[in-house]
Amino acid sequence: MDHSERREHQRHLPTTEAAVTALRAVAAEHGREVEVTHDIGADLTSRRSAAGFGVTTDPDGSLPHEAYAEFGGVPRVSVRLYPDDDALITVEGVEFHDVPRDDVPAFLHSVFGGLAHVRARRFPPTSSLVVPLPGDRTYREHLAAYLLTPWLSSRIQ
């Protein structure tokens, strides 16, 4: 399935559980194992540390749900899905903050499908991990030279 077909099939992921289901589908499509842990309740989710002891719901009565997924294989990839419709995706130690939850499946398809690459410049010496998405969108994060793992080094363009 190419990116244009994925864009047509991309759907809104309204809940953390819907996003987890999408992550499992991406893992299956790319032959990867995925381990998911769930944190449910304001007292357990990472962005609700001010909730207080024993408080499980948000002020509006909702029960926040956060999930952490770790994918097997190389590259090492993990995803933390926040209740606020965004995610933190880590690829080989490189963190992509505030990725909209709806972009997570396309992001993972790009990484697992071999489209993600490292763009390196000689002067000034910099490098970035670039993850292209459908619709000419990209995510880019700066890399320090000491962070170059074997997988990242193999992706230099």
Protein backbone atom coordinates (compact mmCIF):
# COMPACT_ATOMS: atom_id res chain seq x y z
CA MET A 1 0.00 0.00 0.00
CA ASP A 2 1.59 3.31 -1.00
CA HIS A 3 1.18 6.64 0.81
CA SER A 4 -1.66 7.86 -1.43
CA GLU A 5 -3.70 4.76 -0.53
CA ARG A 6 -2.92 5.24 3.17
CA ARG A 7 -4.04 8.87 3.07
CA GLU A 8 -7.42 7.78 1.72
CA HIS A 9 -7.73 5.19 4.49
CA GLN A 10 -6.40 7.43 7.28
CA ARG A 11 -9.08 7.93 9.84
CA HIS A 12 -9.56 10.05 12.89
CA LEU A 13 -8.46 8.30 16.08
CA PRO A 14 -10.81 9.80 18.68
CA THR A 15 -9.59 7.78 21.66
CA THR A 16 -6.41 6.27 23.00
CA GLU A 17 -7.92 2.81 22.54
CA ALA A 18 -8.62 3.53 18.85
CA ALA A 19 -4.99 4.61 18.46
CA VAL A 20 -3.76 1.43 20.18
CA THR A 21 -5.84 -0.64 17.75
CA ALA A 22 -4.22 1.28 14.86
CA LEU A 23 -0.74 0.66 16.33
CA ARG A 24 -1.43 -3.06 16.53
CA ALA A 25 -2.54 -3.03 12.87
CA VAL A 26 0.66 -1.23 11.80
CA ALA A 27 2.76 -3.72 13.78
CA ALA A 28 0.98 -6.67 12.14
CA GLU A 29 1.38 -5.17 8.66
CA HIS A 30 5.14 -4.76 9.17
CA GLY A 31 5.67 -8.08 10.98
CA ARG A 32 6.57 -6.46 14.29
CA GLU A 33 5.75 -7.43 17.81
CA VAL A 34 4.21 -4.70 19.96
CA GLU A 35 3.81 -4.58 23.72
CA VAL A 36 1.29 -2.11 25.09
CA THR A 37 0.75 -0.93 28.65
CA HIS A 38 -2.17 1.24 29.72
CA ASP A 39 -2.41 3.93 32.39
CA ILE A 40 -6.02 4.81 33.12
CA GLY A 41 -7.04 7.51 35.57
CA ALA A 42 -5.85 11.00 36.37
CA ASP A 43 -3.67 9.67 39.17
CA LEU A 44 -1.74 7.43 36.74
CA THR A 45 -1.36 9.44 33.54
CA SER A 46 1.86 11.37 33.14
CA ARG A 47 0.35 14.77 32.41
CA ARG A 48 -2.03 14.72 35.36
CA SER A 49 0.50 14.74 38.20
CA ALA A 50 -1.41 17.54 39.96
CA ALA A 51 -4.56 15.40 40.20
CA GLY A 52 -3.96 14.52 43.82
CA PHE A 53 -3.89 11.24 45.67
CA GLY A 54 -6.74 8.89 44.79
CA VAL A 55 -8.28 11.22 42.19
CA THR A 56 -8.93 9.19 39.03
CA THR A 57 -11.16 11.45 36.94
CA ASP A 58 -10.61 14.82 35.34
CA PRO A 59 -12.71 17.79 36.56
CA ASP A 60 -15.22 17.06 33.76
CA GLY A 61 -15.72 13.51 35.07
CA SER A 62 -13.85 11.80 32.25
CA LEU A 63 -11.34 9.04 32.86
CA PRO A 64 -8.05 9.88 31.08
CA HIS A 65 -6.36 7.00 29.27
CA GLU A 66 -2.72 6.93 28.28
CA ALA A 67 -0.88 4.07 26.59
CA TYR A 68 2.75 3.19 25.97
CA ALA A 69 3.67 0.91 23.07
CA GLU A 70 7.07 -0.61 22.44
CA PHE A 71 7.78 -2.24 19.08
CA GLY A 72 10.19 -5.14 18.66
CA GLY A 73 12.97 -5.19 16.09
CA VAL A 74 15.15 -2.54 14.53
CA PRO A 75 14.75 0.38 14.56
CA ARG A 76 13.78 0.61 18.21
CA VAL A 77 10.49 2.50 18.31
CA SER A 78 8.17 3.43 21.16
CA VAL A 79 5.01 5.51 21.25
CA ARG A 80 3.40 7.20 24.27
CA LEU A 81 -0.20 8.11 23.48
CA TYR A 82 -1.48 10.94 25.65
CA PRO A 83 -5.15 11.59 26.48
CA ASP A 84 -4.77 15.06 24.89
CA ASP A 85 -4.82 13.73 21.27
CA ASP A 86 -1.04 13.77 20.80
CA ALA A 87 1.87 11.40 21.14
CA LEU A 88 5.58 11.17 21.85
CA ILE A 89 7.30 8.91 19.34
CA THR A 90 10.87 7.78 19.98
CA VAL A 91 12.90 6.28 17.13
CA GLU A 92 16.34 4.96 18.11
CA GLY A 93 16.49 7.46 20.99
CA VAL A 94 15.32 10.45 18.91
CA GLU A 95 12.17 11.97 20.40
CA PHE A 96 9.39 13.48 18.31
CA HIS A 97 7.16 15.44 20.69
CA ASP A 98 3.56 16.55 20.11
CA VAL A 99 2.81 14.33 17.12
CA PRO A 100 -0.97 14.47 16.55
CA ARG A 101 -2.52 11.10 17.38
CA ASP A 102 -4.04 10.85 13.89
CA ASP A 103 -0.51 11.09 12.33
CA VAL A 104 0.97 8.25 14.39
CA PRO A 105 0.06 5.35 12.04
CA ALA A 106 1.43 7.19 8.96
CA PHE A 107 4.58 8.10 10.93
CA LEU A 108 5.14 4.44 11.84
CA HIS A 109 4.47 3.25 8.29
CA SER A 110 7.14 5.69 7.11
CA VAL A 111 9.70 4.48 9.67
CA PHE A 112 8.99 0.76 9.26
CA GLY A 113 8.62 1.09 5.49
CA GLY A 114 12.13 2.52 5.06
CA LEU A 115 11.17 6.10 4.15
CA ALA A 116 12.64 7.71 7.28
CA HIS A 117 16.18 8.93 6.72
CA VAL A 118 18.96 10.99 8.26
CA ARG A 119 19.81 14.18 6.44
CA ALA A 120 23.40 15.22 7.16
CA ARG A 121 25.18 18.46 6.26
CA ARG A 122 28.91 18.95 6.29
CA PHE A 123 28.88 22.67 6.99
CA PRO A 124 27.69 23.54 9.44
CA PRO A 125 27.90 19.96 10.62
CA THR A 126 24.35 18.96 11.52
CA SER A 127 22.12 15.99 11.04
CA SER A 128 18.39 15.39 11.43
CA LEU A 129 16.12 12.39 11.39
CA VAL A 130 13.45 13.10 8.77
CA VAL A 131 10.17 11.19 8.68
CA PRO A 132 8.07 11.97 5.59
CA LEU A 133 4.29 11.64 5.72
CA PRO A 134 1.68 11.69 2.97
CA GLY A 135 0.73 15.10 1.65
CA ASP A 136 4.30 16.41 1.56
CA ARG A 137 4.42 16.72 5.34
CA THR A 138 7.54 15.82 7.30
CA TYR A 139 8.67 15.52 10.88
CA ARG A 140 12.29 16.44 11.54
CA GLU A 141 14.35 16.25 14.71
CA HIS A 142 17.97 17.27 15.22
CA LEU A 143 20.48 14.52 16.07
CA ALA A 144 23.64 14.86 18.03
CA ALA A 145 26.53 12.98 16.39
CA TYR A 146 26.94 10.77 19.46
CA LEU A 147 23.34 9.54 19.06
CA LEU A 148 24.00 7.85 15.72
CA THR A 149 23.09 4.22 16.24
CA PRO A 150 23.90 1.64 13.56
CA TRP A 151 20.35 1.96 12.18
CA LEU A 152 20.52 5.77 12.04
CA SER A 153 23.97 5.60 10.40
CA SER A 154 22.58 3.27 7.75
CA ARG A 155 19.88 5.83 6.91
CA ILE A 156 22.20 8.80 6.15
CA GLN A 157 21.56 10.56 2.85
